[in-house]
PDB file of all heavy atoms in Angstrom:
ATOM      1  N   GLY A   1       0.775  -1.216   0.011  1.00  0.00           N
ATOM      2  CA  GLY A   1      -0.044  -0.007   0.002  1.00  0.00           C
ATOM      3  C   GLY A   1       0.862   1.260  -0.041  1.00  0.00           C
ATOM      4  O   GLY A   1       0.617   2.308  -0.680  1.00  0.00           O
ATOM      5  N   LEU A   2       1.917   1.252   0.830  1.00  0.00           N
ATOM      6  CA  LEU A   2       2.814   2.381   0.889  1.00  0.00           C
ATOM      7  C   LEU A   2       3.498   2.631  -0.504  1.00  0.00           C
ATOM      8  O   LEU A   2       3.588   3.718  -1.057  1.00  0.00           O
ATOM      9  CB  LEU A   2       3.924   2.186   1.849  1.00  0.00           C
ATOM     10  CG  LEU A   2       5.107   3.068   1.907  1.00  0.00           C
ATOM     11  CD1 LEU A   2       4.733   4.544   2.243  1.00  0.00           C
ATOM     12  CD2 LEU A   2       6.094   2.714   2.825  1.00  0.00           C
ATOM     13  N   CYS A   3       4.029   1.510  -1.099  1.00  0.00           N
ATOM     14  CA  CYS A   3       4.667   1.652  -2.404  1.00  0.00           C
ATOM     15  C   CYS A   3       3.799   2.214  -3.476  1.00  0.00           C
ATOM     16  O   CYS A   3       4.209   2.956  -4.283  1.00  0.00           O
ATOM     17  CB  CYS A   3       5.271   0.261  -2.809  1.00  0.00           C
ATOM     18  SG  CYS A   3       6.606  -0.319  -1.759  1.00  0.00           S
ATOM     19  N   ASP A   4       2.450   1.730  -3.462  1.00  0.00           N
ATOM     20  CA  ASP A   4       1.570   2.288  -4.484  1.00  0.00           C
ATOM     21  C   ASP A   4       1.062   3.711  -4.171  1.00  0.00           C
ATOM     22  O   ASP A   4       0.597   4.416  -5.091  1.00  0.00           O
ATOM     23  CB  ASP A   4       0.395   1.291  -4.623  1.00  0.00           C
ATOM     24  CG  ASP A   4       0.733   0.112  -5.415  1.00  0.00           C
ATOM     25  OD1 ASP A   4       1.913  -0.122  -5.733  1.00  0.00           O
ATOM     26  OD2 ASP A   4      -0.149  -0.703  -5.664  1.00  0.00           O
ATOM     27  N   TYR A   5       1.072   4.045  -2.918  1.00  0.00           N
ATOM     28  CA  TYR A   5       0.702   5.402  -2.564  1.00  0.00           C
ATOM     29  C   TYR A   5       1.679   6.427  -3.051  1.00  0.00           C
ATOM     30  O   TYR A   5       1.326   7.595  -3.516  1.00  0.00           O
ATOM     31  CB  TYR A   5       0.587   5.565  -1.076  1.00  0.00           C
ATOM     32  CG  TYR A   5      -0.060   6.836  -0.560  1.00  0.00           C
ATOM     33  CD1 TYR A   5      -1.343   6.918  -0.283  1.00  0.00           C
ATOM     34  CD2 TYR A   5       0.809   7.978  -0.399  1.00  0.00           C
ATOM     35  CE1 TYR A   5      -1.953   8.037   0.221  1.00  0.00           C
ATOM     36  CE2 TYR A   5       0.181   9.174   0.110  1.00  0.00           C
ATOM     37  CZ  TYR A   5      -1.118   9.174   0.375  1.00  0.00           C
ATOM     38  OH  TYR A   5      -1.675  10.440   0.819  1.00  0.00           O
ATOM     39  N   LEU A   6       2.920   6.081  -3.020  1.00  0.00           N
ATOM     40  CA  LEU A   6       3.903   7.018  -3.499  1.00  0.00           C
ATOM     41  C   LEU A   6       4.079   7.029  -5.043  1.00  0.00           C
ATOM     42  O   LEU A   6       3.873   6.034  -5.677  1.00  0.00           O
ATOM     43  CB  LEU A   6       5.325   6.605  -2.882  1.00  0.00           C
ATOM     44  CG  LEU A   6       5.314   6.627  -1.338  1.00  0.00           C
ATOM     45  CD1 LEU A   6       6.651   6.116  -0.800  1.00  0.00           C
ATOM     46  CD2 LEU A   6       5.192   8.053  -0.807  1.00  0.00           C
ATOM     47  N   PRO A   7       4.490   8.170  -5.578  1.00  0.00           N
ATOM     48  CA  PRO A   7       4.645   8.316  -7.100  1.00  0.00           C
ATOM     49  C   PRO A   7       5.797   7.525  -7.560  1.00  0.00           C
ATOM     50  O   PRO A   7       6.671   7.114  -6.793  1.00  0.00           O
ATOM     51  CB  PRO A   7       4.772   9.869  -7.305  1.00  0.00           C
ATOM     52  CG  PRO A   7       5.317  10.311  -6.009  1.00  0.00           C
ATOM     53  CD  PRO A   7       4.731   9.471  -4.909  1.00  0.00           C
ATOM     54  N   ASP A   8       5.883   7.331  -8.900  1.00  0.00           N
ATOM     55  CA  ASP A   8       6.932   6.550  -9.439  1.00  0.00           C
ATOM     56  C   ASP A   8       8.362   7.226  -9.263  1.00  0.00           C
ATOM     57  O   ASP A   8       9.330   6.524  -9.290  1.00  0.00           O
ATOM     58  CB  ASP A   8       6.727   6.419 -10.986  1.00  0.00           C
ATOM     59  CG  ASP A   8       5.568   5.448 -11.214  1.00  0.00           C
ATOM     60  OD1 ASP A   8       5.154   4.692 -10.380  1.00  0.00           O
ATOM     61  OD2 ASP A   8       4.896   5.591 -12.384  1.00  0.00           O
ATOM     62  N   ASP A   9       8.439   8.576  -9.070  1.00  0.00           N
ATOM     63  CA  ASP A   9       9.724   9.236  -8.829  1.00  0.00           C
ATOM     64  C   ASP A   9      10.055   9.334  -7.404  1.00  0.00           C
ATOM     65  O   ASP A   9      10.940  10.097  -7.051  1.00  0.00           O
ATOM     66  CB  ASP A   9       9.635  10.579  -9.549  1.00  0.00           C
ATOM     67  CG  ASP A   9       8.609  11.496  -8.925  1.00  0.00           C
ATOM     68  OD1 ASP A   9       7.741  11.085  -8.095  1.00  0.00           O
ATOM     69  OD2 ASP A   9       8.579  12.742  -9.290  1.00  0.00           O
ATOM     70  N   ALA A  10       9.473   8.535  -6.522  1.00  0.00           N
ATOM     71  CA  ALA A  10       9.814   8.426  -5.163  1.00  0.00           C
ATOM     72  C   ALA A  10      10.895   7.341  -4.963  1.00  0.00           C
ATOM     73  O   ALA A  10      11.029   6.394  -5.745  1.00  0.00           O
ATOM     74  CB  ALA A  10       8.692   8.169  -4.299  1.00  0.00           C
ATOM     75  N   LEU A  11      11.766   7.576  -3.947  1.00  0.00           N
ATOM     76  CA  LEU A  11      12.826   6.593  -3.630  1.00  0.00           C
ATOM     77  C   LEU A  11      12.564   6.075  -2.266  1.00  0.00           C
ATOM     78  O   LEU A  11      12.433   6.788  -1.330  1.00  0.00           O
ATOM     79  CB  LEU A  11      14.159   7.326  -3.667  1.00  0.00           C
ATOM     80  CG  LEU A  11      15.404   6.517  -3.293  1.00  0.00           C
ATOM     81  CD1 LEU A  11      15.602   5.389  -4.251  1.00  0.00           C
ATOM     82  CD2 LEU A  11      16.686   7.447  -3.165  1.00  0.00           C
ATOM     83  N   ILE A  12      12.453   4.721  -2.216  1.00  0.00           N
ATOM     84  CA  ILE A  12      12.107   4.089  -0.952  1.00  0.00           C
ATOM     85  C   ILE A  12      13.182   3.033  -0.579  1.00  0.00           C
ATOM     86  O   ILE A  12      13.367   2.014  -1.294  1.00  0.00           O
ATOM     87  CB  ILE A  12      10.675   3.311  -1.076  1.00  0.00           C
ATOM     88  CG1 ILE A  12       9.614   4.175  -1.696  1.00  0.00           C
ATOM     89  CG2 ILE A  12      10.253   2.757   0.222  1.00  0.00           C
ATOM     90  CD1 ILE A  12       8.359   3.488  -2.099  1.00  0.00           C
ATOM     91  N   GLU A  13      13.775   3.266   0.534  1.00  0.00           N
ATOM     92  CA  GLU A  13      14.696   2.269   1.154  1.00  0.00           C
ATOM     93  C   GLU A  13      13.782   1.617   2.239  1.00  0.00           C
ATOM     94  O   GLU A  13      13.579   2.158   3.235  1.00  0.00           O
ATOM     95  CB  GLU A  13      15.883   2.952   1.821  1.00  0.00           C
ATOM     96  CG  GLU A  13      16.764   1.964   2.347  1.00  0.00           C
ATOM     97  CD  GLU A  13      18.020   2.552   3.094  1.00  0.00           C
ATOM     98  OE1 GLU A  13      18.219   3.791   2.904  1.00  0.00           O
ATOM     99  OE2 GLU A  13      18.640   1.826   3.945  1.00  0.00           O
ATOM    100  N   TYR A  14      13.372   0.341   1.995  1.00  0.00           N
ATOM    101  CA  TYR A  14      12.430  -0.347   2.760  1.00  0.00           C
ATOM    102  C   TYR A  14      13.039  -1.456   3.517  1.00  0.00           C
ATOM    103  O   TYR A  14      13.683  -2.341   2.893  1.00  0.00           O
ATOM    104  CB  TYR A  14      11.252  -0.829   1.900  1.00  0.00           C
ATOM    105  CG  TYR A  14      10.249  -1.700   2.589  1.00  0.00           C
ATOM    106  CD1 TYR A  14       9.259  -1.130   3.380  1.00  0.00           C
ATOM    107  CD2 TYR A  14      10.406  -3.037   2.490  1.00  0.00           C
ATOM    108  CE1 TYR A  14       8.256  -2.015   4.065  1.00  0.00           C
ATOM    109  CE2 TYR A  14       9.481  -3.942   3.185  1.00  0.00           C
ATOM    110  CZ  TYR A  14       8.462  -3.297   3.938  1.00  0.00           C
ATOM    111  OH  TYR A  14       7.617  -4.192   4.576  1.00  0.00           O
ATOM    112  N   HIS A  15      12.897  -1.501   4.881  1.00  0.00           N
ATOM    113  CA  HIS A  15      13.350  -2.520   5.749  1.00  0.00           C
ATOM    114  C   HIS A  15      12.156  -3.204   6.470  1.00  0.00           C
ATOM    115  O   HIS A  15      11.446  -2.503   7.189  1.00  0.00           O
ATOM    116  CB  HIS A  15      14.365  -1.992   6.745  1.00  0.00           C
ATOM    117  CG  HIS A  15      15.635  -1.563   6.090  1.00  0.00           C
ATOM    118  ND1 HIS A  15      16.671  -2.334   5.925  1.00  0.00           N
ATOM    119  CD2 HIS A  15      16.050  -0.347   5.618  1.00  0.00           C
ATOM    120  CE1 HIS A  15      17.663  -1.722   5.395  1.00  0.00           C
ATOM    121  NE2 HIS A  15      17.250  -0.436   5.151  1.00  0.00           N
ATOM    122  N   ALA A  16      12.091  -4.509   6.165  1.00  0.00           N
ATOM    123  CA  ALA A  16      10.957  -5.224   6.828  1.00  0.00           C
ATOM    124  C   ALA A  16      11.564  -6.062   7.941  1.00  0.00           C
ATOM    125  O   ALA A  16      12.610  -6.658   7.771  1.00  0.00           O
ATOM    126  CB  ALA A  16      10.175  -6.132   5.764  1.00  0.00           C
ATOM    127  N   VAL A  17      10.804  -6.128   9.045  1.00  0.00           N
ATOM    128  CA  VAL A  17      11.203  -7.049  10.155  1.00  0.00           C
ATOM    129  C   VAL A  17      10.135  -8.103  10.294  1.00  0.00           C
ATOM    130  O   VAL A  17       8.974  -7.744  10.647  1.00  0.00           O
ATOM    131  CB  VAL A  17      11.430  -6.315  11.473  1.00  0.00           C
ATOM    132  CG1 VAL A  17      11.677  -7.271  12.646  1.00  0.00           C
ATOM    133  CG2 VAL A  17      12.567  -5.313  11.330  1.00  0.00           C
ATOM    134  N   GLU A  18      10.444  -9.338   9.868  1.00  0.00           N
ATOM    135  CA  GLU A  18       9.397 -10.386   9.916  1.00  0.00           C
ATOM    136  C   GLU A  18      10.088 -11.711  10.049  1.00  0.00           C
ATOM    137  O   GLU A  18      10.723 -12.224   9.139  1.00  0.00           O
ATOM    138  CB  GLU A  18       8.557 -10.306   8.723  1.00  0.00           C
ATOM    139  CG  GLU A  18       7.508 -11.512   8.506  1.00  0.00           C
ATOM    140  CD  GLU A  18       6.548 -11.519   9.791  1.00  0.00           C
ATOM    141  OE1 GLU A  18       5.944 -10.461  10.005  1.00  0.00           O
ATOM    142  OE2 GLU A  18       6.544 -12.523  10.460  1.00  0.00           O
ATOM    143  N   PRO A  19       9.930 -12.392  11.233  1.00  0.00           N
ATOM    144  CA  PRO A  19      10.623 -13.636  11.459  1.00  0.00           C
ATOM    145  C   PRO A  19       9.878 -14.907  10.954  1.00  0.00           C
ATOM    146  O   PRO A  19      10.487 -15.906  10.884  1.00  0.00           O
ATOM    147  CB  PRO A  19      10.641 -13.717  12.951  1.00  0.00           C
ATOM    148  CG  PRO A  19       9.468 -13.029  13.403  1.00  0.00           C
ATOM    149  CD  PRO A  19       9.189 -11.882  12.356  1.00  0.00           C
ATOM    150  N   SER A  20       8.630 -14.808  10.666  1.00  0.00           N
ATOM    151  CA  SER A  20       7.728 -15.965  10.329  1.00  0.00           C
ATOM    152  C   SER A  20       7.779 -16.281   8.845  1.00  0.00           C
ATOM    153  O   SER A  20       8.481 -15.728   8.099  1.00  0.00           O
ATOM    154  CB  SER A  20       6.361 -15.728  10.800  1.00  0.00           C
ATOM    155  OG  SER A  20       5.643 -14.872   9.802  1.00  0.00           O
ATOM    156  N   ALA A  21       6.934 -17.440   8.579  1.00  0.00           N
ATOM    157  CA  ALA A  21       6.872 -17.849   7.206  1.00  0.00           C
ATOM    158  C   ALA A  21       6.185 -16.758   6.363  1.00  0.00           C
ATOM    159  O   ALA A  21       6.246 -16.894   5.063  1.00  0.00           O
ATOM    160  CB  ALA A  21       6.098 -19.110   7.194  1.00  0.00           C
ATOM    161  N   ALA A  22       5.541 -15.775   6.960  1.00  0.00           N
ATOM    162  CA  ALA A  22       4.922 -14.670   6.172  1.00  0.00           C
ATOM    163  C   ALA A  22       5.966 -13.931   5.318  1.00  0.00           C
ATOM    164  O   ALA A  22       5.687 -13.417   4.248  1.00  0.00           O
ATOM    165  CB  ALA A  22       4.214 -13.772   7.063  1.00  0.00           C
ATOM    166  N   ALA A  23       7.218 -14.072   5.755  1.00  0.00           N
ATOM    167  CA  ALA A  23       8.296 -13.277   5.053  1.00  0.00           C
ATOM    168  C   ALA A  23       8.520 -13.926   3.621  1.00  0.00           C
ATOM    169  O   ALA A  23       8.938 -13.113   2.686  1.00  0.00           O
ATOM    170  CB  ALA A  23       9.625 -13.389   5.833  1.00  0.00           C
ATOM    171  N   ASP A  24       8.209 -15.129   3.487  1.00  0.00           N
ATOM    172  CA  ASP A  24       8.335 -15.758   2.161  1.00  0.00           C
ATOM    173  C   ASP A  24       7.341 -15.122   1.146  1.00  0.00           C
ATOM    174  O   ASP A  24       7.680 -14.802   0.006  1.00  0.00           O
ATOM    175  CB  ASP A  24       8.176 -17.271   2.155  1.00  0.00           C
ATOM    176  CG  ASP A  24       9.229 -18.043   3.018  1.00  0.00           C
ATOM    177  OD1 ASP A  24      10.404 -17.461   3.096  1.00  0.00           O
ATOM    178  OD2 ASP A  24       8.870 -18.976   3.663  1.00  0.00           O
ATOM    179  N   VAL A  25       6.130 -14.995   1.651  1.00  0.00           N
ATOM    180  CA  VAL A  25       5.048 -14.272   0.819  1.00  0.00           C
ATOM    181  C   VAL A  25       5.464 -12.830   0.613  1.00  0.00           C
ATOM    182  O   VAL A  25       5.302 -12.381  -0.536  1.00  0.00           O
ATOM    183  CB  VAL A  25       3.704 -14.411   1.515  1.00  0.00           C
ATOM    184  CG1 VAL A  25       2.610 -13.757   0.634  1.00  0.00           C
ATOM    185  CG2 VAL A  25       3.389 -15.856   1.787  1.00  0.00           C
ATOM    186  N   LEU A  26       5.965 -12.183   1.642  1.00  0.00           N
ATOM    187  CA  LEU A  26       6.328 -10.749   1.452  1.00  0.00           C
ATOM    188  C   LEU A  26       7.407 -10.592   0.405  1.00  0.00           C
ATOM    189  O   LEU A  26       7.270  -9.698  -0.443  1.00  0.00           O
ATOM    190  CB  LEU A  26       6.895 -10.267   2.826  1.00  0.00           C
ATOM    191  CG  LEU A  26       7.461  -8.906   2.839  1.00  0.00           C
ATOM    192  CD1 LEU A  26       6.445  -7.797   2.654  1.00  0.00           C
ATOM    193  CD2 LEU A  26       8.181  -8.649   4.268  1.00  0.00           C
ATOM    194  N   GLU A  27       8.353 -11.444   0.386  1.00  0.00           N
ATOM    195  CA  GLU A  27       9.506 -11.265  -0.618  1.00  0.00           C
ATOM    196  C   GLU A  27       8.941 -11.515  -2.034  1.00  0.00           C
ATOM    197  O   GLU A  27       9.404 -10.844  -3.023  1.00  0.00           O
ATOM    198  CB  GLU A  27      10.575 -12.183  -0.359  1.00  0.00           C
ATOM    199  CG  GLU A  27      11.490 -11.790   0.980  1.00  0.00           C
ATOM    200  CD  GLU A  27      12.605 -12.698   1.159  1.00  0.00           C
ATOM    201  OE1 GLU A  27      12.641 -13.890   0.797  1.00  0.00           O
ATOM    202  OE2 GLU A  27      13.659 -12.209   1.687  1.00  0.00           O
ATOM    203  N   GLU A  28       7.999 -12.435  -2.225  1.00  0.00           N
ATOM    204  CA  GLU A  28       7.441 -12.688  -3.556  1.00  0.00           C
ATOM    205  C   GLU A  28       6.641 -11.440  -3.974  1.00  0.00           C
ATOM    206  O   GLU A  28       6.836 -11.055  -5.198  1.00  0.00           O
ATOM    207  CB  GLU A  28       6.450 -13.833  -3.467  1.00  0.00           C
ATOM    208  CG  GLU A  28       7.186 -15.129  -3.268  1.00  0.00           C
ATOM    209  CD  GLU A  28       7.757 -15.680  -4.584  1.00  0.00           C
ATOM    210  OE1 GLU A  28       7.281 -15.251  -5.596  1.00  0.00           O
ATOM    211  OE2 GLU A  28       8.659 -16.509  -4.626  1.00  0.00           O
ATOM    212  N   LEU A  29       5.995 -10.827  -3.097  1.00  0.00           N
ATOM    213  CA  LEU A  29       5.079  -9.681  -3.509  1.00  0.00           C
ATOM    214  C   LEU A  29       5.888  -8.359  -3.703  1.00  0.00           C
ATOM    215  O   LEU A  29       5.577  -7.631  -4.558  1.00  0.00           O
ATOM    216  CB  LEU A  29       3.937  -9.482  -2.497  1.00  0.00           C
ATOM    217  CG  LEU A  29       2.898 -10.635  -2.381  1.00  0.00           C
ATOM    218  CD1 LEU A  29       1.992 -10.363  -1.253  1.00  0.00           C
ATOM    219  CD2 LEU A  29       2.095 -10.714  -3.690  1.00  0.00           C
ATOM    220  N   LEU A  30       6.933  -8.256  -2.953  1.00  0.00           N
ATOM    221  CA  LEU A  30       7.789  -7.086  -3.051  1.00  0.00           C
ATOM    222  C   LEU A  30       8.450  -7.075  -4.419  1.00  0.00           C
ATOM    223  O   LEU A  30       8.908  -5.956  -4.972  1.00  0.00           O
ATOM    224  CB  LEU A  30       8.878  -7.017  -1.992  1.00  0.00           C
ATOM    225  CG  LEU A  30       8.389  -6.603  -0.605  1.00  0.00           C
ATOM    226  CD1 LEU A  30       9.516  -6.713   0.484  1.00  0.00           C
ATOM    227  CD2 LEU A  30       7.865  -5.135  -0.611  1.00  0.00           C
ATOM    228  N   ALA A  31       8.659  -8.208  -5.107  1.00  0.00           N
ATOM    229  CA  ALA A  31       9.284  -8.330  -6.356  1.00  0.00           C
ATOM    230  C   ALA A  31       8.425  -7.596  -7.436  1.00  0.00           C
ATOM    231  O   ALA A  31       8.917  -7.365  -8.522  1.00  0.00           O
ATOM    232  CB  ALA A  31       9.434  -9.742  -6.830  1.00  0.00           C
ATOM    233  N   GLU A  32       7.116  -7.314  -7.091  1.00  0.00           N
ATOM    234  CA  GLU A  32       6.288  -6.673  -8.056  1.00  0.00           C
ATOM    235  C   GLU A  32       6.271  -5.122  -7.933  1.00  0.00           C
ATOM    236  O   GLU A  32       5.618  -4.513  -8.650  1.00  0.00           O
ATOM    237  CB  GLU A  32       4.890  -7.240  -7.942  1.00  0.00           C
ATOM    238  CG  GLU A  32       4.624  -8.589  -8.329  1.00  0.00           C
ATOM    239  CD  GLU A  32       4.839  -8.881  -9.825  1.00  0.00           C
ATOM    240  OE1 GLU A  32       4.409  -7.919 -10.564  1.00  0.00           O
ATOM    241  OE2 GLU A  32       5.434  -9.858 -10.297  1.00  0.00           O
ATOM    242  N   THR A  33       6.948  -4.670  -6.967  1.00  0.00           N
ATOM    243  CA  THR A  33       6.996  -3.179  -6.676  1.00  0.00           C
ATOM    244  C   THR A  33       7.972  -2.517  -7.748  1.00  0.00           C
ATOM    245  O   THR A  33       8.745  -3.205  -8.478  1.00  0.00           O
ATOM    246  CB  THR A  33       7.453  -2.793  -5.277  1.00  0.00           C
ATOM    247  OG1 THR A  33       8.699  -3.425  -5.103  1.00  0.00           O
ATOM    248  CG2 THR A  33       6.328  -3.354  -4.336  1.00  0.00           C
ATOM    249  N   GLY A  34       8.070  -1.230  -7.747  1.00  0.00           N
ATOM    250  CA  GLY A  34       8.764  -0.575  -8.829  1.00  0.00           C
ATOM    251  C   GLY A  34      10.265  -0.566  -8.663  1.00  0.00           C
ATOM    252  O   GLY A  34      10.751  -0.983  -7.648  1.00  0.00           O
ATOM    253  N   ARG A  35      11.044  -0.094  -9.696  1.00  0.00           N
ATOM    254  CA  ARG A  35      12.498  -0.187  -9.614  1.00  0.00           C
ATOM    255  C   ARG A  35      13.062   0.622  -8.603  1.00  0.00           C
ATOM    256  O   ARG A  35      14.293   0.469  -8.244  1.00  0.00           O
ATOM    257  CB  ARG A  35      13.001   0.194 -11.028  1.00  0.00           C
ATOM    258  CG  ARG A  35      12.710   1.685 -11.460  1.00  0.00           C
ATOM    259  CD  ARG A  35      13.454   2.044 -12.660  1.00  0.00           C
ATOM    260  NE  ARG A  35      13.018   1.296 -13.857  1.00  0.00           N
ATOM    261  CZ  ARG A  35      12.083   1.711 -14.647  1.00  0.00           C
ATOM    262  NH1 ARG A  35      11.438   2.797 -14.469  1.00  0.00           N
ATOM    263  NH2 ARG A  35      11.664   0.965 -15.748  1.00  0.00           N
ATOM    264  N   ASN A  36      12.400   1.565  -8.067  1.00  0.00           N
ATOM    265  CA  ASN A  36      12.925   2.555  -7.051  1.00  0.00           C
ATOM    266  C   ASN A  36      12.585   2.240  -5.608  1.00  0.00           C
ATOM    267  O   ASN A  36      12.675   3.036  -4.758  1.00  0.00           O
ATOM    268  CB  ASN A  36      12.590   4.067  -7.441  1.00  0.00           C
ATOM    269  CG  ASN A  36      13.183   4.464  -8.763  1.00  0.00           C
ATOM    270  OD1 ASN A  36      14.395   4.318  -8.922  1.00  0.00           O
ATOM    271  ND2 ASN A  36      12.361   5.086  -9.642  1.00  0.00           N
ATOM    272  N   VAL A  37      12.041   1.015  -5.493  1.00  0.00           N
ATOM    273  CA  VAL A  37      11.840   0.474  -4.198  1.00  0.00           C
ATOM    274  C   VAL A  37      12.937  -0.553  -3.930  1.00  0.00           C
ATOM    275  O   VAL A  37      13.224  -1.431  -4.671  1.00  0.00           O
ATOM    276  CB  VAL A  37      10.411  -0.230  -4.096  1.00  0.00           C
ATOM    277  CG1 VAL A  37      10.262  -0.880  -2.706  1.00  0.00           C
ATOM    278  CG2 VAL A  37       9.280   0.716  -4.394  1.00  0.00           C
ATOM    279  N   HIS A  38      13.676  -0.284  -2.780  1.00  0.00           N
ATOM    280  CA  HIS A  38      14.778  -1.119  -2.534  1.00  0.00           C
ATOM    281  C   HIS A  38      14.624  -1.816  -1.139  1.00  0.00           C
ATOM    282  O   HIS A  38      14.866  -1.228  -0.129  1.00  0.00           O
ATOM    283  CB  HIS A  38      16.114  -0.197  -2.421  1.00  0.00           C
ATOM    284  CG  HIS A  38      16.367   0.577  -3.683  1.00  0.00           C
ATOM    285  ND1 HIS A  38      17.050  -0.007  -4.731  1.00  0.00           N
ATOM    286  CD2 HIS A  38      16.009   1.890  -3.989  1.00  0.00           C
ATOM    287  CE1 HIS A  38      17.101   0.924  -5.738  1.00  0.00           C
ATOM    288  NE2 HIS A  38      16.518   2.027  -5.367  1.00  0.00           N
ATOM    289  N   PRO A  39      14.038  -3.022  -1.256  1.00  0.00           N
ATOM    290  CA  PRO A  39      13.707  -3.751  -0.086  1.00  0.00           C
ATOM    291  C   PRO A  39      14.675  -4.596   0.545  1.00  0.00           C
ATOM    292  O   PRO A  39      15.647  -5.195  -0.180  1.00  0.00           O
ATOM    293  CB  PRO A  39      12.481  -4.570  -0.483  1.00  0.00           C
ATOM    294  CG  PRO A  39      12.879  -4.910  -2.021  1.00  0.00           C
ATOM    295  CD  PRO A  39      13.705  -3.778  -2.447  1.00  0.00           C
ATOM    296  N   THR A  40      14.727  -4.769   1.859  1.00  0.00           N
ATOM    297  CA  THR A  40      15.475  -5.681   2.577  1.00  0.00           C
ATOM    298  C   THR A  40      14.607  -6.358   3.771  1.00  0.00           C
ATOM    299  O   THR A  40      13.922  -5.573   4.435  1.00  0.00           O
ATOM    300  CB  THR A  40      16.670  -5.056   3.286  1.00  0.00           C
ATOM    301  OG1 THR A  40      17.519  -4.330   2.395  1.00  0.00           O
ATOM    302  CG2 THR A  40      17.584  -6.117   4.043  1.00  0.00           C
ATOM    303  N   VAL A  41      14.652  -7.668   3.742  1.00  0.00           N
ATOM    304  CA  VAL A  41      13.802  -8.348   4.718  1.00  0.00           C
ATOM    305  C   VAL A  41      14.734  -8.867   5.790  1.00  0.00           C
ATOM    306  O   VAL A  41      15.588  -9.688   5.548  1.00  0.00           O
ATOM    307  CB  VAL A  41      12.936  -9.460   4.108  1.00  0.00           C
ATOM    308  CG1 VAL A  41      12.140 -10.154   5.197  1.00  0.00           C
ATOM    309  CG2 VAL A  41      11.992  -8.973   3.106  1.00  0.00           C
ATOM    310  N   HIS A  42      14.525  -8.479   7.065  1.00  0.00           N
ATOM    311  CA  HIS A  42      15.273  -8.914   8.219  1.00  0.00           C
ATOM    312  C   HIS A  42      14.390  -9.952   8.908  1.00  0.00           C
ATOM    313  O   HIS A  42      13.382  -9.660   9.535  1.00  0.00           O
ATOM    314  CB  HIS A  42      15.536  -7.713   9.180  1.00  0.00           C
ATOM    315  CG  HIS A  42      16.296  -6.596   8.530  1.00  0.00           C
ATOM    316  ND1 HIS A  42      17.604  -6.436   8.555  1.00  0.00           N
ATOM    317  CD2 HIS A  42      15.764  -5.505   7.876  1.00  0.00           C
ATOM    318  CE1 HIS A  42      17.900  -5.386   7.842  1.00  0.00           C
ATOM    319  NE2 HIS A  42      16.879  -4.742   7.439  1.00  0.00           N
TER     320      HIS A  42
END
């Protein structure tokens, strides 16, 4: 929701904290975000 709220010319350094199996789903879905979203899952 955050990534889609921001315009395409925004720069997002995104850090997720998620210890559970939900992180596998999260990483799959983050792959669909824009080129200027830079995610790291902890």
